[in-house]
Amino acid sequence: MAFKEKPALVKLSGNATQFKGNADININGKPTITNAPIVFYLLNGKLVNLTIGPPSGKTYNPFPLPLFGIVTQVDKIENEV
């Protein structure tokens, strides 16, 4: 997944961090969805929840449920976009 632009909003609230933006999504190395709205939540620094909405003007969403994961390591990367 590649952000089309820097996330528009970063919201720090208690033990949760939220990023919102739009992304192009590749599946098996091929472009599948362009300009899809996403919301990325990091809860208590350990749990990840990624919600992917349908692209603008589309009603079909191949990701109707959020994706969940567990953070095992966080690395600082400088000067990367």
C-alpha atoms as a PDB file:
ATOM      1  CA  MET A   1       0.000   0.000   0.000  1.00  0.00           C
ATOM      2  CA  ALA A   2       1.394   3.403  -0.912  1.00  0.00           C
ATOM      3  CA  PHE A   3       0.056   6.699   0.356  1.00  0.00           C
ATOM      4  CA  LYS A   4      -0.797   9.086  -2.462  1.00  0.00           C
ATOM      5  CA  GLU A   5       0.053  11.950  -0.151  1.00  0.00           C
ATOM      6  CA  LYS A   6       1.015  12.434   3.461  1.00  0.00           C
ATOM      7  CA  PRO A   7      -1.844  11.480   5.799  1.00  0.00           C
ATOM      8  CA  ALA A   8      -4.195  14.444   6.166  1.00  0.00           C
ATOM      9  CA  LEU A   9      -4.827  13.979   9.865  1.00  0.00           C
ATOM     10  CA  VAL A  10      -2.921  12.522  12.802  1.00  0.00           C
ATOM     11  CA  LYS A  11      -4.952  12.349  15.969  1.00  0.00           C
ATOM     12  CA  LEU A  12      -3.413  11.493  19.330  1.00  0.00           C
ATOM     13  CA  SER A  13      -6.006  10.556  21.915  1.00  0.00           C
ATOM     14  CA  GLY A  14      -5.082   8.742  25.121  1.00  0.00           C
ATOM     15  CA  ASN A  15      -3.559   5.400  24.185  1.00  0.00           C
ATOM     16  CA  ALA A  16      -4.673   5.523  20.548  1.00  0.00           C
ATOM     17  CA  THR A  17      -3.175   7.052  17.416  1.00  0.00           C
ATOM     18  CA  GLN A  18      -5.207   7.554  14.250  1.00  0.00           C
ATOM     19  CA  PHE A  19      -4.026   8.300  10.696  1.00  0.00           C
ATOM     20  CA  LYS A  20      -6.439   9.131   7.864  1.00  0.00           C
ATOM     21  CA  GLY A  21      -5.638   9.451   4.185  1.00  0.00           C
ATOM     22  CA  ASN A  22      -6.018   7.935   0.736  1.00  0.00           C
ATOM     23  CA  ALA A  23      -3.936   5.089  -0.662  1.00  0.00           C
ATOM     24  CA  ASP A  24      -3.378   3.014  -3.769  1.00  0.00           C
ATOM     25  CA  ILE A  25      -3.548  -0.702  -2.953  1.00  0.00           C
ATOM     26  CA  ASN A  26      -1.647  -3.393  -4.847  1.00  0.00           C
ATOM     27  CA  ILE A  27      -2.514  -7.079  -4.509  1.00  0.00           C
ATOM     28  CA  ASN A  28       0.099  -9.585  -5.703  1.00  0.00           C
ATOM     29  CA  GLY A  29       2.111  -6.681  -7.102  1.00  0.00           C
ATOM     30  CA  LYS A  30      -0.683  -5.381  -9.313  1.00  0.00           C
ATOM     31  CA  PRO A  31      -2.673  -2.155  -8.820  1.00  0.00           C
ATOM     32  CA  THR A  32      -6.114  -3.119  -7.532  1.00  0.00           C
ATOM     33  CA  ILE A  33      -7.618  -0.043  -5.913  1.00  0.00           C
ATOM     34  CA  THR A  34      -6.658   3.601  -6.437  1.00  0.00           C
ATOM     35  CA  ASN A  35      -7.437   6.500  -4.145  1.00  0.00           C
ATOM     36  CA  ALA A  36      -9.110   4.379  -1.443  1.00  0.00           C
ATOM     37  CA  PRO A  37      -9.855   6.161   1.839  1.00  0.00           C
ATOM     38  CA  ILE A  38      -8.109   4.474   4.758  1.00  0.00           C
ATOM     39  CA  VAL A  39      -8.058   4.863   8.522  1.00  0.00           C
ATOM     40  CA  PHE A  40      -5.149   3.341  10.446  1.00  0.00           C
ATOM     41  CA  TYR A  41      -5.494   2.976  14.221  1.00  0.00           C
ATOM     42  CA  LEU A  42      -2.679   2.057  16.617  1.00  0.00           C
ATOM     43  CA  LEU A  43      -4.133   1.075  19.994  1.00  0.00           C
ATOM     44  CA  ASN A  44      -1.951   0.942  23.123  1.00  0.00           C
ATOM     45  CA  GLY A  45       1.114   0.749  20.863  1.00  0.00           C
ATOM     46  CA  LYS A  46       0.401  -2.932  20.175  1.00  0.00           C
ATOM     47  CA  LEU A  47      -2.809  -3.473  18.176  1.00  0.00           C
ATOM     48  CA  VAL A  48      -3.301  -2.264  14.593  1.00  0.00           C
ATOM     49  CA  ASN A  49      -6.714  -1.770  12.979  1.00  0.00           C
ATOM     50  CA  LEU A  50      -6.775  -0.810   9.288  1.00  0.00           C
ATOM     51  CA  THR A  51     -10.078   0.169   7.711  1.00  0.00           C
ATOM     52  CA  ILE A  52     -10.182   0.510   3.916  1.00  0.00           C
ATOM     53  CA  GLY A  53     -13.194   2.152   2.322  1.00  0.00           C
ATOM     54  CA  PRO A  54     -14.359   1.948  -1.295  1.00  0.00           C
ATOM     55  CA  PRO A  55     -12.670   4.383  -3.701  1.00  0.00           C
ATOM     56  CA  SER A  56     -14.493   7.612  -4.536  1.00  0.00           C
ATOM     57  CA  GLY A  57     -17.497   7.019  -6.767  1.00  0.00           C
ATOM     58  CA  LYS A  58     -17.511   3.246  -6.143  1.00  0.00           C
ATOM     59  CA  THR A  59     -19.924   1.236  -4.008  1.00  0.00           C
ATOM     60  CA  TYR A  60     -18.099  -2.114  -4.087  1.00  0.00           C
ATOM     61  CA  ASN A  61     -15.555  -2.565  -1.304  1.00  0.00           C
ATOM     62  CA  PRO A  62     -13.260  -5.619  -1.460  1.00  0.00           C
ATOM     63  CA  PHE A  63     -12.351  -4.980   2.206  1.00  0.00           C
ATOM     64  CA  PRO A  64     -15.722  -4.847   4.010  1.00  0.00           C
ATOM     65  CA  LEU A  65     -14.168  -5.729   7.389  1.00  0.00           C
ATOM     66  CA  PRO A  66     -11.222  -4.046   9.128  1.00  0.00           C
ATOM     67  CA  LEU A  67      -7.829  -5.727   9.045  1.00  0.00           C
ATOM     68  CA  PHE A  68      -6.218  -6.370  12.440  1.00  0.00           C
ATOM     69  CA  GLY A  69      -2.629  -7.056  13.444  1.00  0.00           C
ATOM     70  CA  ILE A  70      -0.214  -7.030  16.363  1.00  0.00           C
ATOM     71  CA  VAL A  71       2.816  -4.735  16.505  1.00  0.00           C
ATOM     72  CA  THR A  72       5.988  -6.588  17.469  1.00  0.00           C
ATOM     73  CA  GLN A  73       8.563  -3.890  16.631  1.00  0.00           C
ATOM     74  CA  VAL A  74       8.612  -0.209  15.710  1.00  0.00           C
ATOM     75  CA  ASP A  75      11.619   1.238  13.869  1.00  0.00           C
ATOM     76  CA  LYS A  76      12.339   4.914  13.309  1.00  0.00           C
ATOM     77  CA  ILE A  77      12.934   5.749   9.641  1.00  0.00           C
ATOM     78  CA  GLU A  78      14.147   9.254   8.918  1.00  0.00           C
ATOM     79  CA  ASN A  79      13.614  11.242   5.719  1.00  0.00           C
ATOM     80  CA  GLU A  80      11.205   8.679   4.253  1.00  0.00           C
ATOM     81  CA  VAL A  81       7.856   9.594   2.683  1.00  0.00           C
END
